[in-house]
């Protein structure tokens, strides 16, 4: 059975080499050159430049492994261009049937061979979710290393490996010493010893309440950092705690999504402090693409006097981007200096949490925009043979698998991510 591979070439140099002559012939060959004019003809429209997509039919007797496809063109002066060659791999993939996982093993750094690594206890099942402890060899050196895990099924077939780096570092315990200095800073570190000092009685350990001076901090999210120094002049690690500076009205909460699609409504959650008039209306606003609220867009409103959520809708005409911000305002009292949160606008959302998603050429080809294609976060699968071109930024999310079949490709200049995840 012949397999077809899509090869793409941009042949703009030919007319420049030969004084803008018309291109009259395009041909390709696989591996060995049969001679000028004896390659396989590629249909095209004559012109001084050429940008053509074509399919390469592989000979039925071509061996498994790496090969080369070569293209050249000829002009009206019977002059041939230089060749353009691309490697490709022919490989017959035999689909595996679903089989029970029967063995699991790991090794550190060097692979000792299938079945010769350290066994991990596993209960036979179609899927496995296993946690285990890895004792390090006593002679392993300080520095970075790699641990690799693989499984075997009932058909004696091994999986691909999963590898994770780790660092071995010997930490010398510090002797207990009296804490002599405590200091804190907000948001920006001024340097050791230059932060705001906290008065306390030296000792080990130290538990002390204190009041931090907030000064003229702007409304919004901030972080306070605390550290101590001991009698040996050694500083501790830094402890951190987030906090919020608000006026009468609180900021948009973390439950509000950081990105959303233009075609689906979502909730903007807010928290309030103080007392509001009975006719008060909360309004969710969207900045422009650079984060400015000089001419905000209203996403939704809610007549209320307490914390809650506003159903928001992004206008279809809004440009996709990552520089937007969202804020919530109140009308009575009218408070407009409320903090905002970062927000990204994506393209159209996928259908509600499908179990499977099949993406095919033409119908599901993407050339622009920011898109998320997702299925169920536990059982979902994505199977793709579509094409990602232009400036598209596409993410595939699935709980079980993302399969990229022959025909799928993502061109240079695009951003493509396939990862475990999805909707509920």
Protein backbone atom coordinates (compact mmCIF):
# COMPACT_ATOMS: atom_id res chain seq x y z
CA UNK A 1 0.00 0.00 0.00
CA UNK A 2 1.45 3.34 -1.00
CA UNK A 3 1.75 6.12 1.51
CA UNK A 4 1.67 9.79 0.54
CA UNK A 5 3.70 12.53 2.18
CA UNK A 6 2.93 16.21 1.68
CA UNK A 7 6.07 18.16 0.79
CA UNK A 8 6.04 21.97 0.52
CA UNK A 9 8.53 24.03 -1.45
CA UNK A 10 8.84 27.73 -2.21
CA UNK A 11 10.73 28.07 -5.51
CA UNK A 12 11.22 31.82 -5.92
CA UNK A 13 14.89 31.79 -6.87
CA UNK A 14 14.60 30.31 -10.35
CA UNK A 15 13.40 33.39 -12.22
CA UNK A 16 16.11 35.50 -10.55
CA UNK A 17 18.83 33.17 -11.81
CA UNK A 18 17.67 33.28 -15.41
CA UNK A 19 16.46 36.80 -16.15
CA UNK A 20 12.79 36.34 -15.27
CA UNK A 21 12.24 33.42 -17.65
CA UNK A 22 8.98 31.48 -17.53
CA UNK A 23 9.12 28.22 -15.60
CA UNK A 24 7.95 25.39 -17.84
CA UNK A 25 8.56 22.17 -15.94
CA UNK A 26 8.71 20.99 -12.31
CA UNK A 27 9.74 17.45 -11.40
CA UNK A 28 10.76 15.43 -8.37
CA UNK A 29 12.51 12.14 -7.71
CA UNK A 30 13.07 9.97 -4.63
CA UNK A 31 16.68 9.04 -3.72
CA UNK A 32 18.51 8.30 -7.03
CA UNK A 33 18.44 10.95 -9.80
CA UNK A 34 16.97 9.42 -12.99
CA UNK A 35 18.34 12.31 -15.09
CA UNK A 36 17.07 15.74 -16.15
CA UNK A 37 13.49 15.57 -17.42
CA UNK A 38 13.02 11.98 -16.24
CA UNK A 39 11.65 12.75 -12.77
CA UNK A 40 7.98 12.69 -11.83
CA UNK A 41 6.13 15.71 -13.26
CA UNK A 42 4.46 18.08 -10.81
CA UNK A 43 1.39 19.92 -12.19
CA UNK A 44 1.68 23.71 -11.91
CA UNK A 45 0.76 26.98 -13.60
CA UNK A 46 3.59 28.44 -15.68
CA UNK A 47 5.08 31.67 -14.36
CA UNK A 48 8.30 33.41 -13.31
CA UNK A 49 7.89 32.33 -9.70
CA UNK A 50 6.46 29.20 -8.18
CA UNK A 51 4.71 28.32 -4.92
CA UNK A 52 3.11 24.88 -5.26
CA UNK A 53 1.91 22.13 -2.94
CA UNK A 54 2.09 18.56 -4.20
CA UNK A 55 1.90 14.96 -3.00
CA UNK A 56 4.79 12.51 -3.35
CA UNK A 57 3.73 8.95 -4.16
CA UNK A 58 6.27 6.50 -2.78
CA UNK A 59 7.28 3.46 -4.88
CA UNK A 60 5.72 0.26 -3.58
CA UNK A 61 9.12 -1.38 -3.10
CA UNK A 62 10.77 1.47 -1.20
CA UNK A 63 12.49 0.23 1.96
CA UNK A 64 11.74 1.28 5.52
CA UNK A 65 14.04 4.04 6.77
CA UNK A 66 15.29 7.47 5.75
CA UNK A 67 15.07 8.66 2.13
CA UNK A 68 15.28 11.93 0.21
CA UNK A 69 12.87 13.69 -2.13
CA UNK A 70 14.41 16.19 -4.55
CA UNK A 71 12.72 18.90 -6.64
CA UNK A 72 13.97 21.01 -9.56
CA UNK A 73 12.46 23.28 -12.21
CA UNK A 74 13.23 24.21 -15.81
CA UNK A 75 12.63 27.52 -17.65
CA UNK A 76 11.90 28.43 -21.27
CA UNK A 77 15.66 28.58 -22.01
CA UNK A 78 15.85 24.89 -21.13
CA UNK A 79 17.92 25.78 -18.08
CA UNK A 80 17.47 23.70 -14.90
CA UNK A 81 17.56 25.16 -11.41
CA UNK A 82 19.62 23.92 -8.52
CA UNK A 83 17.88 21.10 -6.67
CA UNK A 84 15.98 21.38 -3.39
CA UNK A 85 16.20 18.23 -1.25
CA UNK A 86 14.32 17.21 1.89
CA UNK A 87 14.77 14.04 3.98
CA UNK A 88 11.82 11.93 5.13
CA UNK A 89 11.28 8.71 7.06
CA UNK A 90 9.22 5.77 5.84
CA UNK A 91 7.98 3.74 8.75
CA UNK A 92 5.10 1.26 8.97
CA UNK A 93 3.34 1.65 12.28
CA UNK A 94 1.36 -1.34 13.46
CA UNK A 95 -1.45 -0.20 15.76
CA UNK A 96 -1.18 -1.80 19.16
CA UNK A 97 -4.26 -3.26 20.77
CA UNK A 98 -5.15 -2.13 24.26
CA UNK A 99 -3.29 -4.35 26.70
CA UNK A 100 -2.82 -4.59 30.45
CA UNK A 101 0.24 -2.95 32.03
CA UNK A 102 2.16 -5.75 33.75
CA UNK A 103 5.55 -4.27 34.65
CA UNK A 104 7.16 -0.93 35.47
CA UNK A 105 10.83 -0.09 35.94
CA UNK A 106 13.14 2.88 36.32
CA UNK A 107 16.82 3.66 35.90
CA UNK A 108 19.06 6.61 36.67
CA UNK A 109 21.18 8.12 33.87
CA UNK A 110 22.46 5.11 31.85
CA UNK A 111 19.90 2.60 30.48
CA UNK A 112 20.79 -0.96 31.60
CA UNK A 113 18.47 -2.48 28.98
CA UNK A 114 14.81 -3.49 28.83
CA UNK A 115 13.84 -5.54 31.88
CA UNK A 116 17.19 -4.95 33.59
CA UNK A 117 16.31 -1.69 35.38
CA UNK A 118 14.92 -1.40 38.93
CA UNK A 119 11.42 -2.86 39.15
CA UNK A 120 8.53 -0.78 40.52
CA UNK A 121 5.65 -2.69 42.12
CA UNK A 122 2.54 -2.28 39.97
CA UNK A 123 -0.96 -3.76 39.93
CA UNK A 124 -1.83 -5.08 36.47
CA UNK A 125 -4.37 -2.80 34.79
CA UNK A 126 -5.08 -1.00 31.52
CA UNK A 127 -3.79 2.23 33.07
CA UNK A 128 -1.61 2.89 36.08
CA UNK A 129 -1.19 5.86 38.39
CA UNK A 130 1.70 4.95 40.64
CA UNK A 131 3.81 6.81 43.18
CA UNK A 132 7.14 5.41 44.34
CA UNK A 133 10.34 6.35 46.13
CA UNK A 134 13.69 6.21 44.39
CA UNK A 135 16.68 5.44 46.66
CA UNK A 136 19.78 7.04 45.17
CA UNK A 137 22.90 4.87 44.77
CA UNK A 138 25.51 5.73 47.40
CA UNK A 139 28.13 6.43 44.74
CA UNK A 140 26.07 8.84 42.66
CA UNK A 141 27.89 12.13 42.20
CA UNK A 142 26.76 15.61 43.15
CA UNK A 143 25.01 17.47 40.35
CA UNK A 144 22.25 16.95 37.82
CA UNK A 145 21.01 13.48 36.86
CA UNK A 146 18.05 11.90 35.09
CA UNK A 147 15.51 9.31 36.23
CA UNK A 148 13.66 7.42 33.50
CA UNK A 149 10.51 5.28 33.80
CA UNK A 150 8.88 2.85 31.36
CA UNK A 151 6.19 0.15 31.46
CA UNK A 152 5.56 -3.17 29.72
CA UNK A 153 2.20 -4.66 28.73
CA UNK A 154 0.86 -8.19 28.55
CA UNK A 155 2.03 -8.41 24.90
CA UNK A 156 5.63 -7.91 26.09
CA UNK A 157 5.75 -4.51 24.41
CA UNK A 158 7.56 -1.66 26.16
CA UNK A 159 6.25 1.90 26.24
CA UNK A 160 8.20 5.00 25.35
CA UNK A 161 10.16 6.39 28.30
CA UNK A 162 9.38 9.34 30.58
CA UNK A 163 12.48 11.17 31.82
CA UNK A 164 12.79 13.78 34.54
CA UNK A 165 15.93 15.67 35.67
CA UNK A 166 16.86 16.03 39.32
CA UNK A 167 19.68 17.59 41.35
CA UNK A 168 21.70 15.80 44.02
CA UNK A 169 23.16 18.25 46.48
CA UNK A 170 24.54 17.64 49.96
CA UNK A 171 23.37 20.29 52.39
CA UNK A 172 25.43 20.81 55.52
CA UNK A 173 23.09 21.38 58.49
CA UNK A 174 23.62 24.71 60.17
CA UNK A 175 24.06 24.74 63.93
CA UNK A 176 21.26 26.32 65.93
CA UNK A 177 21.97 30.00 66.39
CA UNK A 178 20.20 32.96 67.99
CA UNK A 179 18.05 35.08 65.67
CA UNK A 180 19.26 38.66 65.97
CA UNK A 181 17.66 40.58 63.07
CA UNK A 182 14.22 40.49 61.42
CA UNK A 183 13.18 42.64 58.48
CA UNK A 184 10.42 42.85 55.87
CA UNK A 185 9.83 44.48 52.51
CA UNK A 186 6.85 44.83 50.19
CA UNK A 187 7.01 43.80 46.53
CA UNK A 188 10.61 44.92 45.77
CA UNK A 189 13.67 43.64 47.66
CA UNK A 190 15.96 46.55 48.67
CA UNK A 191 18.78 44.15 49.59
CA UNK A 192 19.88 42.28 52.71
CA UNK A 193 19.88 44.55 55.76
CA UNK A 194 18.20 47.41 53.87
CA UNK A 195 14.55 46.40 54.41
CA UNK A 196 12.26 47.61 57.23
CA UNK A 197 13.49 46.37 60.61
CA UNK A 198 11.17 44.62 63.09
CA UNK A 199 11.79 45.15 66.82
CA UNK A 200 11.93 41.94 68.84
CA UNK A 201 13.90 40.14 71.55
CA UNK A 202 16.69 37.95 70.18
CA UNK A 203 16.18 34.24 70.68
CA UNK A 204 15.61 30.81 69.13
CA UNK A 205 12.96 30.41 67.87
CA UNK A 206 11.20 33.75 67.47
CA UNK A 207 7.41 34.11 67.24
CA UNK A 208 6.36 37.75 67.15
CA UNK A 209 3.35 39.69 65.84
CA UNK A 210 4.12 43.01 64.19
CA UNK A 211 2.39 45.71 62.16
CA UNK A 212 3.70 46.45 58.66
CA UNK A 213 3.67 50.03 57.40
CA UNK A 214 1.93 50.02 54.01
CA UNK A 215 2.70 53.66 53.20
CA UNK A 216 1.16 54.85 49.92
CA UNK A 217 0.77 51.48 48.24
CA UNK A 218 -1.56 51.56 45.21
CA UNK A 219 -4.78 49.56 45.25
CA UNK A 220 -4.37 45.97 44.13
CA UNK A 221 -2.39 42.79 44.83
CA UNK A 222 0.92 42.96 46.71
CA UNK A 223 3.31 40.61 48.52
CA UNK A 224 5.04 41.07 51.86
CA UNK A 225 8.38 39.26 52.38
CA UNK A 226 10.02 38.49 55.75
CA UNK A 227 13.50 37.18 56.58
CA UNK A 228 15.76 36.88 59.62
CA UNK A 229 19.50 36.85 60.33
CA UNK A 230 21.25 34.83 63.06
CA UNK A 231 24.29 35.49 65.23
CA UNK A 232 26.51 33.88 62.58
CA UNK A 233 25.45 36.62 60.13
CA UNK A 234 23.56 34.08 57.99
CA UNK A 235 20.23 35.08 56.44
CA UNK A 236 17.24 32.73 56.32
CA UNK A 237 15.13 31.93 53.30
CA UNK A 238 12.40 34.50 52.60
CA UNK A 239 8.82 33.92 53.73
CA UNK A 240 6.13 35.53 51.59
CA UNK A 241 2.44 36.33 52.02
CA UNK A 242 0.14 37.92 49.40
CA UNK A 243 -2.28 40.66 50.46
CA UNK A 244 -4.65 43.16 48.88
CA UNK A 245 -4.93 46.92 49.26
CA UNK A 246 -8.52 48.03 48.60
CA UNK A 247 -10.62 51.10 49.13
CA UNK A 248 -14.36 50.68 49.73
CA UNK A 249 -14.46 48.13 46.92
CA UNK A 250 -12.35 44.97 46.66
CA UNK A 251 -10.59 43.68 43.56
CA UNK A 252 -11.54 41.02 41.05
CA UNK A 253 -10.83 37.65 42.67
CA UNK A 254 -8.55 34.87 41.42
CA UNK A 255 -11.58 32.81 40.40
CA UNK A 256 -12.00 35.00 37.32
CA UNK A 257 -10.28 33.25 34.38
CA UNK A 258 -7.07 34.74 33.05
CA UNK A 259 -8.10 33.97 29.45
CA UNK A 260 -11.38 33.37 27.64
CA UNK A 261 -13.00 32.97 24.23
CA UNK A 262 -14.98 35.59 22.38
CA UNK A 263 -18.02 33.42 21.74
CA UNK A 264 -18.81 32.17 25.26
CA UNK A 265 -19.99 34.06 28.38
CA UNK A 266 -17.99 33.76 31.60
CA UNK A 267 -18.16 34.99 35.20
CA UNK A 268 -16.20 37.91 36.62
CA UNK A 269 -16.06 37.39 40.39
CA UNK A 270 -15.64 40.35 42.71
CA UNK A 271 -15.43 40.99 46.44
CA UNK A 272 -16.70 44.14 48.16
CA UNK A 273 -16.04 45.92 51.45
CA UNK A 274 -18.19 48.58 53.09
CA UNK A 275 -21.79 49.64 52.49
CA UNK A 276 -23.34 50.37 49.08
CA UNK A 277 -26.58 52.18 48.22
CA UNK A 278 -29.62 50.15 47.20
CA UNK A 279 -29.43 51.45 43.61
CA UNK A 280 -25.76 50.47 43.21
CA UNK A 281 -24.68 48.72 39.99
CA UNK A 282 -21.41 46.84 39.56
CA UNK A 283 -19.90 46.99 36.05
CA UNK A 284 -17.21 44.70 34.63
CA UNK A 285 -14.96 46.55 32.19
CA UNK A 286 -12.34 45.45 29.66
CA UNK A 287 -9.33 47.61 28.81
CA UNK A 288 -7.87 48.01 25.33
CA UNK A 289 -5.20 45.60 24.05
CA UNK A 290 -2.46 47.59 25.80
CA UNK A 291 -4.18 47.51 29.23
CA UNK A 292 -5.50 51.08 29.19
CA UNK A 293 -8.96 51.94 30.56
CA UNK A 294 -9.10 55.31 28.75
CA UNK A 295 -11.98 53.94 26.62
CA UNK A 296 -13.12 50.76 28.38
CA UNK A 297 -15.53 48.15 27.00
CA UNK A 298 -18.43 47.09 29.23
CA UNK A 299 -18.56 43.30 29.56
CA UNK A 300 -21.57 43.06 31.88
CA UNK A 301 -23.40 44.66 34.82
CA UNK A 302 -25.09 43.54 38.02
CA UNK A 303 -27.40 45.48 40.37
CA UNK A 304 -26.17 44.42 43.81
CA UNK A 305 -24.78 45.63 47.14
CA UNK A 306 -22.69 42.56 48.00
CA UNK A 307 -19.95 40.30 46.67
CA UNK A 308 -20.86 38.11 43.70
CA UNK A 309 -20.18 37.55 40.02
CA UNK A 310 -21.05 39.37 36.80
CA UNK A 311 -21.88 37.44 33.62
CA UNK A 312 -19.47 38.85 31.05
CA UNK A 313 -19.51 38.69 27.24
CA UNK A 314 -16.60 39.73 25.02
CA UNK A 315 -17.81 41.61 21.89
CA UNK A 316 -17.17 39.55 18.71
CA UNK A 317 -15.30 42.48 17.12
CA UNK A 318 -12.64 42.51 19.88
CA UNK A 319 -9.11 41.78 18.64
CA UNK A 320 -7.38 38.68 20.03
CA UNK A 321 -4.48 39.37 22.37
CA UNK A 322 -2.80 38.98 25.74
CA UNK A 323 -2.45 42.60 26.90
CA UNK A 324 -5.98 43.17 28.17
CA UNK A 325 -7.09 43.81 31.78
CA UNK A 326 -10.45 43.45 33.59
CA UNK A 327 -11.76 45.57 36.46
CA UNK A 328 -15.07 46.03 38.28
CA UNK A 329 -16.55 49.45 39.17
CA UNK A 330 -19.38 50.48 41.48
CA UNK A 331 -21.92 53.26 40.82
CA UNK A 332 -23.12 54.18 44.32
CA UNK A 333 -20.71 55.15 45.68
CA UNK A 334 -18.92 55.73 42.36
CA UNK A 335 -15.44 54.24 42.76
CA UNK A 336 -13.31 54.13 39.60
CA UNK A 337 -9.74 53.58 40.81
CA UNK A 338 -10.16 49.84 41.42
CA UNK A 339 -7.33 47.42 40.64
CA UNK A 340 -7.44 45.23 37.55
CA UNK A 341 -6.27 41.75 36.61
CA UNK A 342 -4.47 40.57 33.47
CA UNK A 343 -6.65 38.94 30.84
CA UNK A 344 -6.15 37.28 27.43
CA UNK A 345 -8.77 37.04 24.69
CA UNK A 346 -8.74 33.81 22.70
CA UNK A 347 -10.62 32.76 19.58
CA UNK A 348 -13.86 30.76 19.61
CA UNK A 349 -14.22 28.15 22.36
CA UNK A 350 -14.56 24.44 21.51
CA UNK A 351 -17.89 22.66 22.04
CA UNK A 352 -18.72 21.80 25.68
CA UNK A 353 -16.30 19.17 26.94
CA UNK A 354 -16.36 16.53 24.22
CA UNK A 355 -15.08 13.00 24.84
CA UNK A 356 -13.28 12.92 21.49
CA UNK A 357 -12.25 15.45 18.87
CA UNK A 358 -11.17 14.61 15.30
CA UNK A 359 -9.45 17.42 13.40
CA UNK A 360 -9.19 16.95 9.62
CA UNK A 361 -7.58 18.94 6.77
CA UNK A 362 -9.35 21.98 5.33
CA UNK A 363 -12.25 21.94 7.81
CA UNK A 364 -9.96 22.19 10.85
CA UNK A 365 -6.93 23.94 9.34
CA UNK A 366 -5.84 27.01 11.32
CA UNK A 367 -3.79 29.89 9.92
CA UNK A 368 -4.30 32.64 12.53
CA UNK A 369 -5.63 33.40 15.99
CA UNK A 370 -5.18 31.88 19.45
CA UNK A 371 -7.16 28.65 19.83
CA UNK A 372 -7.65 25.93 22.43
CA UNK A 373 -9.02 22.56 21.30
CA UNK A 374 -9.84 20.41 24.30
CA UNK A 375 -11.63 17.23 25.32
CA UNK A 376 -12.50 15.65 28.66
CA UNK A 377 -9.69 16.03 31.23
CA UNK A 378 -9.93 12.34 32.25
CA UNK A 379 -11.07 10.31 29.21
CA UNK A 380 -10.78 12.71 26.28
CA UNK A 381 -8.81 12.01 23.09
CA UNK A 382 -7.74 14.25 20.21
CA UNK A 383 -6.87 12.79 16.78
CA UNK A 384 -5.40 15.27 14.31
CA UNK A 385 -4.45 15.25 10.63
CA UNK A 386 -5.09 18.95 10.14
CA UNK A 387 -2.64 21.73 9.33
CA UNK A 388 -1.44 24.71 11.37
CA UNK A 389 0.02 27.52 9.30
CA UNK A 390 0.56 31.26 9.23
CA UNK A 391 0.57 32.87 12.68
CA UNK A 392 -1.81 30.47 14.45
CA UNK A 393 -1.23 29.65 18.15
CA UNK A 394 -3.02 26.36 18.85
CA UNK A 395 -3.21 24.18 21.96
CA UNK A 396 -4.61 20.61 22.05
CA UNK A 397 -5.72 19.40 25.50
CA UNK A 398 -6.87 15.85 26.29
CA UNK A 399 -7.03 13.71 29.41
CA UNK A 400 -6.08 10.43 27.70
CA UNK A 401 -4.20 11.04 24.45
CA UNK A 402 -3.36 13.44 21.63
CA UNK A 403 -2.58 11.54 18.40
CA UNK A 404 -0.91 13.32 15.46
CA UNK A 405 -1.43 11.16 12.37
CA UNK A 406 0.42 11.39 9.00
CA UNK A 407 -0.70 14.58 7.28
CA UNK A 408 -0.63 16.73 10.41
CA UNK A 409 1.93 19.53 10.44
CA UNK A 410 2.63 22.86 12.10
CA UNK A 411 4.63 25.28 9.94
CA UNK A 412 7.55 27.43 11.08
CA UNK A 413 6.20 30.58 12.70
CA UNK A 414 3.25 28.87 14.37
CA UNK A 415 2.97 27.89 18.04
CA UNK A 416 1.61 24.38 18.67
CA UNK A 417 1.23 22.72 22.09
CA UNK A 418 -0.16 19.25 22.86
CA UNK A 419 -0.48 18.41 26.54
CA UNK A 420 -2.47 16.52 29.15
CA UNK A 421 -5.47 18.46 30.41
CA UNK A 422 -8.90 19.43 29.19
CA UNK A 423 -12.37 20.31 30.39
CA UNK A 424 -14.51 18.74 33.10
